[in-house]
Structures are given as structure tokens and as C-alpha cells.
Amino acid sequence: MPKLPHISGAQAVKIFERLGFVVMRQNGSHIVLRKGSAGCVVPNHKEIKVGTLAGILRQAGVSADDFLRALHN
């Protein structure tokens, strides 16, 4: 698994949107995204810890490679 970057919640949401996810709602500082039957919750914090980001990717069913590819596009 490639090394995941330290990014903000807003950056993570933009990357998930590039991957086809849609923002469904926001509850406090947590943004709920959905793509078909897959979904995830992204905390809208200044910086998301690497372990938290890995868990979000697992929850969304997105590989780290796909996420990093979308990050650099």
C-alpha cells in the first residue's frame, strides 16, 4: 500500500467527488458521501490523520492507488 498523504477534510471531499462520490449531507463537521451503494463519512478537519484516511478509504471501497491517482490529477 502506498504512503497516504496528510490532507484536509475539504481536500479529501474534492478527491472523492473526482472519483464519482456525491455529497449527501453534512452533520456538524462530518460530511457524508455516497456513490451507489458505497458510502463514507469524511471529517471536515484541518488535517485528517493517515490512519483515519485509510479507514475512510476502506469504508468507501476505494483503493489507495485510485485515491492517490485522483489526488495528482
C-alpha atoms as a PDB file:
ATOM      1  CA  MET A   1       0.000   0.000   0.000  1.00  0.00           C
ATOM      2  CA  PRO A   2       1.437   3.388  -0.954  1.00  0.00           C
ATOM      3  CA  LYS A   3       2.022   6.024   1.669  1.00  0.00           C
ATOM      4  CA  LEU A   4      -1.056   8.190   2.176  1.00  0.00           C
ATOM      5  CA  PRO A   5      -0.610  11.981   2.424  1.00  0.00           C
ATOM      6  CA  HIS A   6      -1.711  14.335   5.185  1.00  0.00           C
ATOM      7  CA  ILE A   7      -4.626  16.239   3.648  1.00  0.00           C
ATOM      8  CA  SER A   8      -7.538  18.296   4.924  1.00  0.00           C
ATOM      9  CA  GLY A   9     -11.123  17.121   5.012  1.00  0.00           C
ATOM     10  CA  ALA A  10     -12.078  19.573   2.264  1.00  0.00           C
ATOM     11  CA  GLN A  11      -9.325  18.194   0.011  1.00  0.00           C
ATOM     12  CA  ALA A  12     -10.490  14.631   0.693  1.00  0.00           C
ATOM     13  CA  VAL A  13     -14.069  15.541  -0.262  1.00  0.00           C
ATOM     14  CA  LYS A  14     -12.865  17.074  -3.563  1.00  0.00           C
ATOM     15  CA  ILE A  15     -10.895  13.911  -4.354  1.00  0.00           C
ATOM     16  CA  PHE A  16     -13.875  11.677  -3.573  1.00  0.00           C
ATOM     17  CA  GLU A  17     -16.017  13.879  -5.844  1.00  0.00           C
ATOM     18  CA  ARG A  18     -13.476  13.308  -8.644  1.00  0.00           C
ATOM     19  CA  LEU A  19     -13.928   9.585  -8.021  1.00  0.00           C
ATOM     20  CA  GLY A  20     -17.690   9.912  -8.566  1.00  0.00           C
ATOM     21  CA  PHE A  21     -18.935  10.317  -4.985  1.00  0.00           C
ATOM     22  CA  VAL A  22     -21.682  12.839  -4.229  1.00  0.00           C
ATOM     23  CA  VAL A  23     -22.076  14.845  -1.023  1.00  0.00           C
ATOM     24  CA  MET A  24     -25.356  13.723   0.537  1.00  0.00           C
ATOM     25  CA  ARG A  25     -25.370  15.802   3.705  1.00  0.00           C
ATOM     26  CA  GLN A  26     -23.266  17.352   6.424  1.00  0.00           C
ATOM     27  CA  ASN A  27     -23.855  16.805  10.120  1.00  0.00           C
ATOM     28  CA  GLY A  28     -21.636  19.121  12.142  1.00  0.00           C
ATOM     29  CA  SER A  29     -18.071  18.643  10.954  1.00  0.00           C
ATOM     30  CA  HIS A  30     -18.746  15.300   9.236  1.00  0.00           C
ATOM     31  CA  ILE A  31     -19.579  15.104   5.527  1.00  0.00           C
ATOM     32  CA  VAL A  32     -21.455  12.046   4.240  1.00  0.00           C
ATOM     33  CA  LEU A  33     -20.621  10.976   0.678  1.00  0.00           C
ATOM     34  CA  ARG A  34     -22.239   8.258  -1.419  1.00  0.00           C
ATOM     35  CA  LYS A  35     -21.585   6.515  -4.731  1.00  0.00           C
ATOM     36  CA  GLY A  36     -24.190   3.871  -5.496  1.00  0.00           C
ATOM     37  CA  SER A  37     -24.342   1.564  -2.502  1.00  0.00           C
ATOM     38  CA  ALA A  38     -20.871   2.616  -1.256  1.00  0.00           C
ATOM     39  CA  GLY A  39     -20.566   5.500   1.148  1.00  0.00           C
ATOM     40  CA  CYS A  40     -18.199   7.109   3.598  1.00  0.00           C
ATOM     41  CA  VAL A  41     -18.029   9.817   6.233  1.00  0.00           C
ATOM     42  CA  VAL A  42     -15.234  12.395   5.997  1.00  0.00           C
ATOM     43  CA  PRO A  43     -14.433  14.643   8.967  1.00  0.00           C
ATOM     44  CA  ASN A  44     -14.116  18.248   7.800  1.00  0.00           C
ATOM     45  CA  HIS A  45     -10.970  18.903   9.838  1.00  0.00           C
ATOM     46  CA  LYS A  46      -7.852  20.905   9.054  1.00  0.00           C
ATOM     47  CA  GLU A  47      -5.843  17.674   8.774  1.00  0.00           C
ATOM     48  CA  ILE A  48      -7.005  14.058   8.599  1.00  0.00           C
ATOM     49  CA  LYS A  49      -4.659  11.533  10.195  1.00  0.00           C
ATOM     50  CA  VAL A  50      -3.261   8.862   7.884  1.00  0.00           C
ATOM     51  CA  GLY A  51      -4.945   6.015   9.801  1.00  0.00           C
ATOM     52  CA  THR A  52      -8.289   7.801   9.647  1.00  0.00           C
ATOM     53  CA  LEU A  53      -7.881   8.350   5.905  1.00  0.00           C
ATOM     54  CA  ALA A  54      -7.078   4.644   5.435  1.00  0.00           C
ATOM     55  CA  GLY A  55     -10.274   3.758   7.310  1.00  0.00           C
ATOM     56  CA  ILE A  56     -12.325   6.151   5.168  1.00  0.00           C
ATOM     57  CA  LEU A  57     -10.912   4.558   2.002  1.00  0.00           C
ATOM     58  CA  ARG A  58     -11.788   1.088   3.327  1.00  0.00           C
ATOM     59  CA  GLN A  59     -15.301   2.272   4.184  1.00  0.00           C
ATOM     60  CA  ALA A  60     -15.735   3.731   0.688  1.00  0.00           C
ATOM     61  CA  GLY A  61     -14.258   0.716  -1.099  1.00  0.00           C
ATOM     62  CA  VAL A  62     -11.585   2.854  -2.790  1.00  0.00           C
ATOM     63  CA  SER A  63      -8.005   1.646  -3.160  1.00  0.00           C
ATOM     64  CA  ALA A  64      -5.142   3.864  -2.030  1.00  0.00           C
ATOM     65  CA  ASP A  65      -3.742   3.783  -5.575  1.00  0.00           C
ATOM     66  CA  ASP A  66      -7.001   5.110  -7.057  1.00  0.00           C
ATOM     67  CA  PHE A  67      -7.195   7.800  -4.373  1.00  0.00           C
ATOM     68  CA  LEU A  68      -3.603   8.951  -4.994  1.00  0.00           C
ATOM     69  CA  ARG A  69      -4.165   8.927  -8.765  1.00  0.00           C
ATOM     70  CA  ALA A  70      -7.197  11.223  -8.313  1.00  0.00           C
ATOM     71  CA  LEU A  71      -5.173  13.416  -5.938  1.00  0.00           C
ATOM     72  CA  HIS A  72      -2.499  14.070  -8.557  1.00  0.00           C
ATOM     73  CA  ASN A  73      -4.934  14.712 -11.438  1.00  0.00           C
END
